[in-house]
Amino acid sequence: MLKKGSKLYSILTGTCPKCHNESMYVHKNPYLFSQLFKMHERCSHCNTRYKIEPSFFYGAMYVSYGVGVAFAIAVFVTCYLIIETSLKNSFIAIIITLVVLLPIIIRLSRNIWINLFIKYDSKAATA
């Protein structure tokens, strides 16, 4: 389903948005909190620079808000409407989910943000 060449592939795997051949992050595990924000400067395969300009990833904060809201709505619908828990327990579930998934939301938001500006290049992928 996820094929190289699609934005969704790069977003979900955290690979270079231009060639999809290497992870943008020094450590793939987002739960290594001391390494959460550490990224390679450039892709070793296609030489794409990840930090396009200073403070480039500040824009990802806006994306993370939307991603967080999407997760919160999904948890609320699941807990309150499908499982039929109380409103209080639904909000507790939302808070727990957002805290537990925070590193994933941060990385996912960065992946979405950079994929808005850099598109896949099949020539770079095979070079």
N, C-alpha and C. Protein backbone atom coordinates (compact mmCIF):
# COMPACT_ATOMS: atom_id res chain seq x y z
N MET A 1 0.83 -1.19 0.00
CA MET A 1 0.00 0.00 0.00
C MET A 1 0.87 1.25 0.00
N LEU A 2 1.81 1.32 0.95
CA LEU A 2 2.73 2.45 0.96
C LEU A 2 3.87 2.17 0.01
N LYS A 3 3.94 2.96 -1.03
CA LYS A 3 5.00 2.75 -2.01
C LYS A 3 5.92 3.95 -2.01
N LYS A 4 7.20 3.68 -2.26
CA LYS A 4 8.14 4.77 -2.43
C LYS A 4 7.62 5.66 -3.55
N GLY A 5 7.79 6.94 -3.35
CA GLY A 5 7.31 7.89 -4.35
C GLY A 5 6.07 8.63 -3.90
N SER A 6 5.43 8.16 -2.85
CA SER A 6 4.25 8.86 -2.36
C SER A 6 4.62 9.69 -1.13
N LYS A 7 3.95 10.80 -0.99
CA LYS A 7 4.19 11.66 0.19
C LYS A 7 3.87 10.89 1.46
N LEU A 8 2.83 10.08 1.42
CA LEU A 8 2.43 9.32 2.60
C LEU A 8 3.54 8.39 3.05
N TYR A 9 4.27 7.80 2.12
CA TYR A 9 5.40 6.93 2.47
C TYR A 9 6.44 7.70 3.26
N SER A 10 6.83 8.86 2.76
CA SER A 10 7.84 9.67 3.43
C SER A 10 7.35 10.16 4.78
N ILE A 11 6.09 10.56 4.86
CA ILE A 11 5.53 11.08 6.11
C ILE A 11 5.49 10.00 7.18
N LEU A 12 5.02 8.82 6.84
CA LEU A 12 4.87 7.76 7.84
C LEU A 12 6.17 7.06 8.19
N THR A 13 7.14 7.05 7.28
CA THR A 13 8.40 6.37 7.57
C THR A 13 9.51 7.32 8.03
N GLY A 14 9.33 8.61 7.83
CA GLY A 14 10.34 9.58 8.24
C GLY A 14 11.57 9.56 7.35
N THR A 15 11.38 9.16 6.10
CA THR A 15 12.50 9.10 5.17
C THR A 15 12.63 10.42 4.42
N CYS A 16 13.76 10.58 3.77
CA CYS A 16 14.05 11.77 2.97
C CYS A 16 12.88 12.03 2.02
N PRO A 17 12.34 13.24 2.00
CA PRO A 17 11.19 13.51 1.13
C PRO A 17 11.54 13.50 -0.35
N LYS A 18 12.81 13.67 -0.68
CA LYS A 18 13.20 13.74 -2.09
C LYS A 18 13.50 12.36 -2.69
N CYS A 19 14.22 11.50 -1.93
CA CYS A 19 14.62 10.20 -2.51
C CYS A 19 14.03 8.99 -1.78
N HIS A 20 13.54 9.17 -0.57
CA HIS A 20 12.93 8.10 0.24
C HIS A 20 13.91 6.96 0.55
N ASN A 21 15.20 7.25 0.57
CA ASN A 21 16.18 6.18 0.78
C ASN A 21 16.80 6.14 2.17
N GLU A 22 16.66 7.19 2.96
CA GLU A 22 17.27 7.16 4.29
C GLU A 22 16.40 7.93 5.28
N SER A 23 16.50 7.55 6.54
CA SER A 23 15.76 8.23 7.59
C SER A 23 16.34 9.63 7.79
N MET A 24 15.46 10.59 8.02
CA MET A 24 15.91 11.95 8.30
C MET A 24 16.47 12.06 9.71
N TYR A 25 16.12 11.13 10.56
CA TYR A 25 16.46 11.21 11.98
C TYR A 25 17.69 10.37 12.30
N VAL A 26 18.46 10.85 13.25
CA VAL A 26 19.66 10.14 13.67
C VAL A 26 19.27 8.80 14.28
N HIS A 27 18.22 8.80 15.10
CA HIS A 27 17.68 7.58 15.70
C HIS A 27 16.22 7.45 15.28
N LYS A 28 15.84 6.31 14.76
CA LYS A 28 14.47 6.12 14.29
C LYS A 28 13.45 6.07 15.43
N ASN A 29 13.89 5.66 16.63
CA ASN A 29 12.98 5.51 17.76
C ASN A 29 12.65 6.88 18.35
N PRO A 30 11.39 7.36 18.22
CA PRO A 30 11.05 8.67 18.76
C PRO A 30 10.99 8.71 20.29
N TYR A 31 10.99 7.55 20.93
CA TYR A 31 10.92 7.52 22.38
C TYR A 31 12.28 7.62 23.05
N LEU A 32 13.35 7.81 22.29
CA LEU A 32 14.64 8.19 22.87
C LEU A 32 14.59 9.71 23.00
N PHE A 33 14.07 10.18 24.14
CA PHE A 33 13.74 11.59 24.30
C PHE A 33 14.91 12.53 24.08
N SER A 34 16.11 12.13 24.45
CA SER A 34 17.27 13.00 24.25
C SER A 34 17.63 13.11 22.76
N GLN A 35 17.13 12.22 21.95
CA GLN A 35 17.44 12.21 20.52
C GLN A 35 16.22 12.56 19.65
N LEU A 36 15.13 12.95 20.27
CA LEU A 36 13.86 13.17 19.56
C LEU A 36 13.99 14.15 18.40
N PHE A 37 14.70 15.25 18.60
CA PHE A 37 14.79 16.30 17.59
C PHE A 37 16.04 16.21 16.72
N LYS A 38 16.92 15.26 16.99
CA LYS A 38 18.18 15.18 16.25
C LYS A 38 17.96 14.61 14.86
N MET A 39 18.32 15.42 13.89
CA MET A 39 18.17 15.04 12.48
C MET A 39 19.52 15.15 11.79
N HIS A 40 19.66 14.39 10.73
CA HIS A 40 20.84 14.54 9.89
C HIS A 40 20.75 15.91 9.21
N GLU A 41 21.88 16.51 8.92
CA GLU A 41 21.88 17.79 8.20
C GLU A 41 21.41 17.60 6.76
N ARG A 42 21.92 16.53 6.13
CA ARG A 42 21.61 16.26 4.73
C ARG A 42 21.38 14.77 4.53
N CYS A 43 20.72 14.44 3.46
CA CYS A 43 20.54 13.04 3.07
C CYS A 43 21.86 12.56 2.48
N SER A 44 22.34 11.44 2.92
CA SER A 44 23.61 10.91 2.41
C SER A 44 23.45 10.35 1.00
N HIS A 45 22.22 10.13 0.58
CA HIS A 45 21.99 9.56 -0.75
C HIS A 45 21.83 10.64 -1.83
N CYS A 46 20.96 11.63 -1.59
CA CYS A 46 20.69 12.65 -2.61
C CYS A 46 21.17 14.04 -2.23
N ASN A 47 21.75 14.18 -1.02
CA ASN A 47 22.31 15.43 -0.52
C ASN A 47 21.26 16.52 -0.26
N THR A 48 20.02 16.15 -0.08
CA THR A 48 18.97 17.11 0.24
C THR A 48 19.20 17.65 1.65
N ARG A 49 19.15 18.96 1.76
CA ARG A 49 19.31 19.60 3.07
C ARG A 49 17.95 19.61 3.77
N TYR A 50 17.90 19.09 5.00
CA TYR A 50 16.63 18.98 5.71
C TYR A 50 16.20 20.29 6.37
N LYS A 51 17.13 21.03 6.91
CA LYS A 51 16.79 22.32 7.52
C LYS A 51 16.98 23.38 6.45
N ILE A 52 15.92 23.64 5.74
CA ILE A 52 15.96 24.52 4.58
C ILE A 52 16.42 25.92 4.97
N GLU A 53 16.00 26.38 6.11
CA GLU A 53 16.43 27.68 6.63
C GLU A 53 16.45 27.60 8.14
N PRO A 54 17.10 28.56 8.82
CA PRO A 54 17.10 28.53 10.29
C PRO A 54 15.65 28.56 10.81
N SER A 55 15.41 27.79 11.81
CA SER A 55 14.08 27.70 12.44
C SER A 55 13.00 27.18 11.49
N PHE A 56 13.41 26.41 10.50
CA PHE A 56 12.46 25.88 9.51
C PHE A 56 11.34 25.08 10.17
N PHE A 57 11.67 24.28 11.16
CA PHE A 57 10.68 23.38 11.73
C PHE A 57 9.76 24.03 12.75
N TYR A 58 9.87 25.35 12.96
CA TYR A 58 8.88 26.03 13.80
C TYR A 58 7.49 25.92 13.18
N GLY A 59 7.42 25.88 11.87
CA GLY A 59 6.14 25.72 11.19
C GLY A 59 5.47 24.40 11.51
N ALA A 60 6.27 23.40 11.88
CA ALA A 60 5.71 22.09 12.23
C ALA A 60 4.87 22.16 13.50
N MET A 61 5.05 23.22 14.30
CA MET A 61 4.23 23.37 15.51
C MET A 61 2.76 23.53 15.14
N TYR A 62 2.49 24.25 14.06
CA TYR A 62 1.11 24.43 13.61
C TYR A 62 0.53 23.10 13.13
N VAL A 63 1.35 22.33 12.46
CA VAL A 63 0.91 21.02 11.99
C VAL A 63 0.65 20.11 13.19
N SER A 64 1.51 20.18 14.21
CA SER A 64 1.35 19.30 15.37
C SER A 64 0.05 19.61 16.11
N TYR A 65 -0.36 20.86 16.10
CA TYR A 65 -1.65 21.21 16.71
C TYR A 65 -2.77 20.46 15.99
N GLY A 66 -2.77 20.50 14.67
CA GLY A 66 -3.80 19.80 13.89
C GLY A 66 -3.75 18.30 14.08
N VAL A 67 -2.54 17.74 14.10
CA VAL A 67 -2.39 16.29 14.31
C VAL A 67 -2.89 15.91 15.70
N GLY A 68 -2.54 16.72 16.70
CA GLY A 68 -2.99 16.45 18.07
C GLY A 68 -4.51 16.50 18.19
N VAL A 69 -5.12 17.48 17.54
CA VAL A 69 -6.58 17.60 17.55
C VAL A 69 -7.21 16.38 16.86
N ALA A 70 -6.61 15.93 15.77
CA ALA A 70 -7.14 14.75 15.07
C ALA A 70 -7.09 13.51 15.96
N PHE A 71 -5.97 13.32 16.66
CA PHE A 71 -5.87 12.19 17.60
C PHE A 71 -6.89 12.33 18.73
N ALA A 72 -7.05 13.54 19.26
CA ALA A 72 -7.99 13.77 20.36
C ALA A 72 -9.42 13.47 19.92
N ILE A 73 -9.78 13.90 18.73
CA ILE A 73 -11.14 13.63 18.22
C ILE A 73 -11.34 12.13 18.03
N ALA A 74 -10.33 11.46 17.49
CA ALA A 74 -10.44 10.01 17.29
C ALA A 74 -10.63 9.27 18.62
N VAL A 75 -9.89 9.68 19.64
CA VAL A 75 -10.01 9.05 20.96
C VAL A 75 -11.38 9.36 21.56
N PHE A 76 -11.84 10.60 21.42
CA PHE A 76 -13.13 10.98 21.97
C PHE A 76 -14.26 10.17 21.32
N VAL A 77 -14.23 10.08 20.00
CA VAL A 77 -15.27 9.33 19.29
C VAL A 77 -15.24 7.86 19.71
N THR A 78 -14.02 7.32 19.82
CA THR A 78 -13.89 5.92 20.22
C THR A 78 -14.41 5.69 21.64
N CYS A 79 -13.98 6.52 22.57
CA CYS A 79 -14.35 6.31 23.97
C CYS A 79 -15.80 6.69 24.27
N TYR A 80 -16.17 7.89 23.88
CA TYR A 80 -17.48 8.40 24.29
C TYR A 80 -18.62 7.85 23.44
N LEU A 81 -18.42 7.79 22.14
CA LEU A 81 -19.52 7.40 21.27
C LEU A 81 -19.58 5.90 20.99
N ILE A 82 -18.43 5.25 20.88
CA ILE A 82 -18.44 3.82 20.55
C ILE A 82 -18.43 2.96 21.81
N ILE A 83 -17.47 3.20 22.70
CA ILE A 83 -17.38 2.40 23.93
C ILE A 83 -18.38 2.89 24.98
N GLU A 84 -18.82 4.14 24.85
CA GLU A 84 -19.80 4.78 25.75
C GLU A 84 -19.29 4.92 27.18
N THR A 85 -18.06 5.40 27.31
CA THR A 85 -17.56 5.74 28.65
C THR A 85 -18.11 7.11 29.03
N SER A 86 -17.89 7.50 30.28
CA SER A 86 -18.35 8.81 30.71
C SER A 86 -17.51 9.90 30.05
N LEU A 87 -18.04 11.12 30.10
CA LEU A 87 -17.34 12.25 29.51
C LEU A 87 -15.99 12.48 30.21
N LYS A 88 -15.99 12.35 31.53
CA LYS A 88 -14.76 12.52 32.30
C LYS A 88 -13.70 11.49 31.88
N ASN A 89 -14.10 10.22 31.78
CA ASN A 89 -13.15 9.18 31.38
C ASN A 89 -12.68 9.36 29.94
N SER A 90 -13.53 9.89 29.08
CA SER A 90 -13.14 10.16 27.70
C SER A 90 -12.04 11.22 27.65
N PHE A 91 -12.18 12.26 28.45
CA PHE A 91 -11.15 13.31 28.48
C PHE A 91 -9.86 12.82 29.12
N ILE A 92 -9.96 11.97 30.09
CA ILE A 92 -8.75 11.36 30.68
C ILE A 92 -8.04 10.52 29.63
N ALA A 93 -8.81 9.78 28.84
CA ALA A 93 -8.23 8.97 27.77
C ALA A 93 -7.54 9.84 26.72
N ILE A 94 -8.14 10.99 26.42
CA ILE A 94 -7.53 11.93 25.47
C ILE A 94 -6.19 12.43 26.00
N ILE A 95 -6.15 12.83 27.24
CA ILE A 95 -4.91 13.34 27.83
C ILE A 95 -3.83 12.27 27.84
N ILE A 96 -4.19 11.06 28.26
CA ILE A 96 -3.21 9.97 28.29
C ILE A 96 -2.69 9.67 26.88
N THR A 97 -3.59 9.63 25.92
CA THR A 97 -3.20 9.35 24.53
C THR A 97 -2.24 10.41 24.01
N LEU A 98 -2.55 11.68 24.25
CA LEU A 98 -1.69 12.75 23.75
C LEU A 98 -0.33 12.76 24.41
N VAL A 99 -0.28 12.45 25.69
CA VAL A 99 1.01 12.40 26.39
C VAL A 99 1.85 11.23 25.87
N VAL A 100 1.22 10.07 25.73
CA VAL A 100 1.95 8.88 25.28
C VAL A 100 2.41 9.03 23.83
N LEU A 101 1.59 9.64 23.00
CA LEU A 101 1.92 9.76 21.58
C LEU A 101 2.65 11.05 21.21
N LEU A 102 3.00 11.87 22.19
CA LEU A 102 3.66 13.14 21.91
C LEU A 102 4.90 13.01 21.03
N PRO A 103 5.83 12.09 21.30
CA PRO A 103 7.00 11.98 20.42
C PRO A 103 6.63 11.61 18.98
N ILE A 104 5.62 10.77 18.82
CA ILE A 104 5.18 10.39 17.48
C ILE A 104 4.52 11.58 16.78
N ILE A 105 3.73 12.35 17.51
CA ILE A 105 3.08 13.53 16.94
C ILE A 105 4.12 14.56 16.51
N ILE A 106 5.16 14.74 17.31
CA ILE A 106 6.22 15.69 16.96
C ILE A 106 6.90 15.27 15.67
N ARG A 107 7.30 14.02 15.58
CA ARG A 107 7.99 13.54 14.38
C ARG A 107 7.06 13.55 13.16
N LEU A 108 5.84 13.12 13.34
CA LEU A 108 4.87 13.10 12.25
C LEU A 108 4.65 14.52 11.71
N SER A 109 4.57 15.48 12.60
CA SER A 109 4.37 16.88 12.20
C SER A 109 5.57 17.40 11.42
N ARG A 110 6.77 17.07 11.86
CA ARG A 110 7.96 17.47 11.11
C ARG A 110 7.97 16.83 9.73
N ASN A 111 7.59 15.58 9.66
CA ASN A 111 7.56 14.88 8.38
C ASN A 111 6.55 15.52 7.43
N ILE A 112 5.38 15.85 7.94
CA ILE A 112 4.36 16.51 7.12
C ILE A 112 4.86 17.86 6.65
N TRP A 113 5.45 18.63 7.57
CA TRP A 113 5.92 19.98 7.26
C TRP A 113 6.96 19.97 6.13
N ILE A 114 7.97 19.12 6.24
CA ILE A 114 9.02 19.12 5.22
C ILE A 114 8.49 18.59 3.88
N ASN A 115 7.51 17.70 3.94
CA ASN A 115 6.93 17.17 2.70
C ASN A 115 6.05 18.18 1.98
N LEU A 116 5.67 19.25 2.66
CA LEU A 116 4.94 20.33 1.99
C LEU A 116 5.85 21.12 1.06
N PHE A 117 7.16 21.10 1.34
CA PHE A 117 8.11 21.94 0.61
C PHE A 117 9.03 21.18 -0.34
N ILE A 118 9.24 19.90 -0.09
CA ILE A 118 10.13 19.11 -0.93
C ILE A 118 9.33 17.95 -1.52
N LYS A 119 9.44 17.78 -2.82
CA LYS A 119 8.68 16.68 -3.43
C LYS A 119 9.62 15.57 -3.89
N TYR A 120 9.04 14.42 -4.05
CA TYR A 120 9.79 13.22 -4.46
C TYR A 120 10.36 13.39 -5.86
N ASP A 121 11.58 12.94 -6.05
CA ASP A 121 12.24 13.00 -7.34
C ASP A 121 12.77 11.60 -7.65
N SER A 122 12.15 10.93 -8.61
CA SER A 122 12.56 9.55 -8.93
C SER A 122 14.00 9.48 -9.43
N LYS A 123 14.49 10.54 -10.04
CA LYS A 123 15.88 10.56 -10.49
C LYS A 123 16.85 10.57 -9.30
N ALA A 124 16.49 11.32 -8.25
CA ALA A 124 17.32 11.37 -7.05
C ALA A 124 17.29 10.04 -6.33
N ALA A 125 16.17 9.33 -6.43
CA ALA A 125 16.03 8.05 -5.73
C ALA A 125 16.93 6.98 -6.34
N THR A 126 17.16 7.03 -7.63
CA THR A 126 17.96 6.00 -8.29
C THR A 126 19.42 6.41 -8.50
N ALA A 127 19.70 7.67 -8.28
CA ALA A 127 21.09 8.15 -8.51
C ALA A 127 22.06 7.61 -7.49
